[in-house]
């Protein structure tokens, strides 16, 4: 997943997935991630890259499922803690 901030303000990224039993799971390692705007001459590139690994949970395998559709919701906002 690649999210790019092309604006001039910080962007707050939230990412959630629906678990195999329809529970909501935060797929980031924190409540949100701040994506700073790109700043020339500095190390801020205005981008966030995340690798997402999808797998069938043991609960679903026990029920006989070998695959299912993942649902991921990504929200970007200009304020922190709005979700």
N, C-alpha and C. Protein backbone atom coordinates (compact mmCIF):
# COMPACT_ATOMS: atom_id res chain seq x y z
N UNK A 1 0.85 -1.15 0.00
CA UNK A 1 0.00 0.00 0.00
C UNK A 1 0.91 1.23 0.00
N UNK A 2 0.62 2.16 -0.87
CA UNK A 2 1.40 3.40 -0.95
C UNK A 2 0.42 4.56 -0.81
N UNK A 3 0.72 5.46 0.13
CA UNK A 3 -0.08 6.66 0.33
C UNK A 3 0.86 7.85 0.17
N UNK A 4 0.46 8.80 -0.67
CA UNK A 4 1.31 9.95 -0.96
C UNK A 4 0.62 11.24 -0.52
N UNK A 5 1.35 12.09 0.18
CA UNK A 5 0.84 13.39 0.61
C UNK A 5 1.37 14.44 -0.36
N UNK A 6 0.49 14.96 -1.21
CA UNK A 6 0.90 15.96 -2.20
C UNK A 6 0.53 17.37 -1.75
N UNK A 7 0.00 17.49 -0.53
CA UNK A 7 -0.40 18.79 -0.02
C UNK A 7 0.71 19.45 0.78
N UNK A 8 0.34 20.46 1.56
CA UNK A 8 1.33 21.19 2.36
C UNK A 8 1.06 21.05 3.86
N UNK A 9 0.15 20.15 4.26
CA UNK A 9 -0.16 19.89 5.66
C UNK A 9 0.04 18.42 5.97
N UNK A 10 0.25 18.11 7.24
CA UNK A 10 0.36 16.72 7.67
C UNK A 10 -0.94 15.99 7.38
N UNK A 11 -0.83 14.71 6.99
CA UNK A 11 -1.99 13.87 6.76
C UNK A 11 -1.91 12.70 7.74
N UNK A 12 -3.04 12.36 8.34
CA UNK A 12 -3.11 11.27 9.31
C UNK A 12 -3.78 10.08 8.64
N UNK A 13 -3.07 8.97 8.60
CA UNK A 13 -3.51 7.76 7.92
C UNK A 13 -4.03 6.76 8.95
N UNK A 14 -5.24 6.27 8.71
CA UNK A 14 -5.84 5.21 9.51
C UNK A 14 -6.10 4.04 8.57
N UNK A 15 -5.83 2.81 9.02
CA UNK A 15 -6.08 1.65 8.17
C UNK A 15 -6.66 0.52 9.02
N UNK A 16 -7.80 0.01 8.58
CA UNK A 16 -8.50 -1.03 9.33
C UNK A 16 -8.86 -2.17 8.40
N UNK A 17 -8.89 -3.36 8.95
CA UNK A 17 -9.31 -4.54 8.22
C UNK A 17 -10.44 -5.23 8.96
N UNK A 18 -11.27 -5.93 8.24
CA UNK A 18 -12.31 -6.74 8.86
C UNK A 18 -11.74 -8.12 9.09
N UNK A 19 -11.77 -8.56 10.34
CA UNK A 19 -11.26 -9.89 10.69
C UNK A 19 -12.19 -10.98 10.19
N UNK A 20 -11.79 -12.24 10.33
CA UNK A 20 -12.57 -13.36 9.80
C UNK A 20 -13.94 -13.51 10.46
N UNK A 21 -14.10 -12.97 11.65
CA UNK A 21 -15.40 -13.04 12.34
C UNK A 21 -16.05 -11.66 12.38
N UNK A 22 -15.72 -10.81 11.42
CA UNK A 22 -16.26 -9.46 11.24
C UNK A 22 -15.86 -8.49 12.34
N UNK A 23 -14.78 -8.77 13.05
CA UNK A 23 -14.28 -7.80 14.02
C UNK A 23 -13.38 -6.81 13.29
N UNK A 24 -13.36 -5.57 13.78
CA UNK A 24 -12.53 -4.53 13.17
C UNK A 24 -11.13 -4.61 13.78
N UNK A 25 -10.12 -4.65 12.92
CA UNK A 25 -8.73 -4.76 13.36
C UNK A 25 -7.93 -3.59 12.80
N UNK A 26 -7.14 -2.97 13.64
CA UNK A 26 -6.23 -1.92 13.20
C UNK A 26 -5.03 -2.60 12.55
N UNK A 27 -4.75 -2.32 11.29
CA UNK A 27 -3.64 -3.00 10.62
C UNK A 27 -2.34 -2.22 10.66
N UNK A 28 -2.37 -1.04 11.30
CA UNK A 28 -1.13 -0.31 11.56
C UNK A 28 -0.62 -0.73 12.93
N UNK A 29 0.60 -0.44 13.25
CA UNK A 29 1.13 -0.77 14.57
C UNK A 29 0.88 0.34 15.58
N UNK A 30 0.08 1.32 15.22
CA UNK A 30 -0.28 2.44 16.07
C UNK A 30 -1.69 2.88 15.70
N UNK A 31 -2.23 3.85 16.42
CA UNK A 31 -3.58 4.33 16.12
C UNK A 31 -3.65 4.93 14.73
N UNK A 32 -2.61 5.66 14.35
CA UNK A 32 -2.55 6.27 13.03
C UNK A 32 -1.08 6.53 12.69
N UNK A 33 -0.85 6.87 11.43
CA UNK A 33 0.49 7.24 10.98
C UNK A 33 0.42 8.64 10.39
N UNK A 34 1.38 9.48 10.74
CA UNK A 34 1.44 10.83 10.19
C UNK A 34 2.29 10.80 8.93
N UNK A 35 1.74 11.33 7.85
CA UNK A 35 2.49 11.44 6.60
C UNK A 35 2.77 12.93 6.39
N UNK A 36 4.01 13.29 6.55
CA UNK A 36 4.41 14.68 6.41
C UNK A 36 4.41 15.10 4.95
N UNK A 37 4.18 16.36 4.64
CA UNK A 37 4.26 16.80 3.25
C UNK A 37 5.70 16.73 2.75
N UNK A 38 5.84 16.61 1.45
CA UNK A 38 7.17 16.56 0.85
C UNK A 38 7.87 17.91 1.06
N UNK A 39 9.12 17.83 1.47
CA UNK A 39 9.90 19.05 1.68
C UNK A 39 11.22 18.91 0.92
N UNK A 40 11.38 19.74 -0.06
CA UNK A 40 12.60 19.69 -0.88
C UNK A 40 13.83 19.98 -0.03
N UNK A 41 14.88 19.23 -0.26
CA UNK A 41 16.12 19.43 0.47
C UNK A 41 16.15 18.75 1.83
N UNK A 42 15.02 18.15 2.23
CA UNK A 42 14.98 17.42 3.49
C UNK A 42 14.62 15.97 3.20
N UNK A 43 14.62 15.17 4.24
CA UNK A 43 14.38 13.74 4.06
C UNK A 43 12.90 13.37 4.03
N UNK A 44 12.01 14.32 4.11
CA UNK A 44 10.59 14.01 4.08
C UNK A 44 10.14 13.87 2.62
N UNK A 45 9.69 12.68 2.26
CA UNK A 45 9.32 12.43 0.86
C UNK A 45 7.82 12.51 0.64
N UNK A 46 7.03 12.74 1.71
CA UNK A 46 5.59 12.86 1.56
C UNK A 46 4.91 11.57 1.16
N UNK A 47 5.48 10.44 1.60
CA UNK A 47 4.95 9.15 1.16
C UNK A 47 5.10 8.12 2.28
N UNK A 48 4.16 7.19 2.32
CA UNK A 48 4.22 6.06 3.24
C UNK A 48 4.02 4.79 2.44
N UNK A 49 4.89 3.82 2.66
CA UNK A 49 4.77 2.52 1.99
C UNK A 49 4.64 1.44 3.05
N UNK A 50 3.64 0.59 2.89
CA UNK A 50 3.39 -0.51 3.81
C UNK A 50 3.20 -1.79 3.03
N UNK A 51 3.80 -2.85 3.51
CA UNK A 51 3.55 -4.17 2.94
C UNK A 51 2.42 -4.81 3.73
N UNK A 52 1.44 -5.32 3.03
CA UNK A 52 0.32 -6.00 3.66
C UNK A 52 0.39 -7.48 3.32
N UNK A 53 0.36 -8.29 4.34
CA UNK A 53 0.40 -9.74 4.14
C UNK A 53 -0.96 -10.30 4.52
N UNK A 54 -1.60 -10.94 3.58
CA UNK A 54 -2.92 -11.51 3.81
C UNK A 54 -2.78 -13.02 3.96
N UNK A 55 -3.52 -13.56 4.93
CA UNK A 55 -3.51 -15.02 5.10
C UNK A 55 -4.84 -15.46 5.69
N UNK A 56 -5.19 -16.71 5.45
CA UNK A 56 -6.42 -17.28 5.99
C UNK A 56 -6.14 -17.66 7.45
N UNK A 57 -7.00 -17.20 8.35
CA UNK A 57 -6.79 -17.45 9.77
C UNK A 57 -7.04 -18.92 10.11
N UNK A 58 -6.41 -19.41 11.18
CA UNK A 58 -6.65 -20.80 11.59
C UNK A 58 -8.13 -21.10 11.88
N UNK A 59 -8.88 -20.11 12.40
CA UNK A 59 -10.32 -20.30 12.64
C UNK A 59 -11.04 -20.63 11.34
N UNK A 60 -10.70 -19.89 10.29
CA UNK A 60 -11.36 -20.11 9.01
C UNK A 60 -10.94 -21.45 8.38
N UNK A 61 -9.68 -21.81 8.54
CA UNK A 61 -9.20 -23.10 8.02
C UNK A 61 -9.92 -24.24 8.72
N UNK A 62 -10.10 -24.13 10.06
CA UNK A 62 -10.83 -25.15 10.82
C UNK A 62 -12.27 -25.30 10.34
N UNK A 63 -12.85 -24.23 9.81
CA UNK A 63 -14.21 -24.27 9.29
C UNK A 63 -14.27 -24.75 7.84
N UNK A 64 -13.09 -25.08 7.27
CA UNK A 64 -13.06 -25.61 5.91
C UNK A 64 -12.81 -24.58 4.83
N UNK A 65 -12.58 -23.34 5.20
CA UNK A 65 -12.32 -22.28 4.21
C UNK A 65 -10.84 -22.25 3.86
N UNK A 66 -10.54 -22.14 2.61
CA UNK A 66 -9.16 -22.02 2.14
C UNK A 66 -8.87 -20.62 1.61
N UNK A 67 -9.91 -19.85 1.37
CA UNK A 67 -9.75 -18.47 0.90
C UNK A 67 -11.00 -17.67 1.27
N UNK A 68 -10.83 -16.37 1.37
CA UNK A 68 -11.95 -15.46 1.55
C UNK A 68 -11.49 -14.06 1.18
N UNK A 69 -12.44 -13.18 0.96
CA UNK A 69 -12.14 -11.81 0.56
C UNK A 69 -11.77 -10.97 1.78
N UNK A 70 -10.70 -10.21 1.69
CA UNK A 70 -10.31 -9.27 2.73
C UNK A 70 -10.94 -7.91 2.44
N UNK A 71 -11.41 -7.26 3.48
CA UNK A 71 -11.96 -5.92 3.36
C UNK A 71 -11.07 -4.99 4.16
N UNK A 72 -10.52 -3.98 3.49
CA UNK A 72 -9.63 -3.02 4.13
C UNK A 72 -10.19 -1.63 3.90
N UNK A 73 -10.22 -0.85 4.95
CA UNK A 73 -10.70 0.53 4.87
C UNK A 73 -9.53 1.44 5.23
N UNK A 74 -9.18 2.36 4.34
CA UNK A 74 -8.10 3.32 4.56
C UNK A 74 -8.71 4.71 4.57
N UNK A 75 -8.40 5.47 5.63
CA UNK A 75 -8.94 6.82 5.77
C UNK A 75 -7.77 7.77 5.99
N UNK A 76 -7.74 8.87 5.24
CA UNK A 76 -6.75 9.92 5.44
C UNK A 76 -7.49 11.19 5.87
N UNK A 77 -6.93 11.85 6.87
CA UNK A 77 -7.59 13.03 7.42
C UNK A 77 -6.55 14.06 7.80
N UNK A 78 -6.95 15.32 7.86
CA UNK A 78 -6.03 16.40 8.23
C UNK A 78 -5.94 16.62 9.74
N UNK A 79 -6.75 15.92 10.52
CA UNK A 79 -6.71 16.02 11.98
C UNK A 79 -6.49 14.64 12.58
N UNK A 80 -5.76 14.60 13.68
CA UNK A 80 -5.54 13.34 14.38
C UNK A 80 -6.75 12.99 15.24
N UNK A 81 -6.93 11.72 15.48
CA UNK A 81 -7.94 11.21 16.41
C UNK A 81 -9.36 11.65 16.08
N UNK A 82 -9.71 11.65 14.82
CA UNK A 82 -11.08 11.97 14.44
C UNK A 82 -11.92 10.70 14.25
N UNK A 83 -11.23 9.58 14.26
CA UNK A 83 -11.93 8.31 14.04
C UNK A 83 -12.00 7.54 15.34
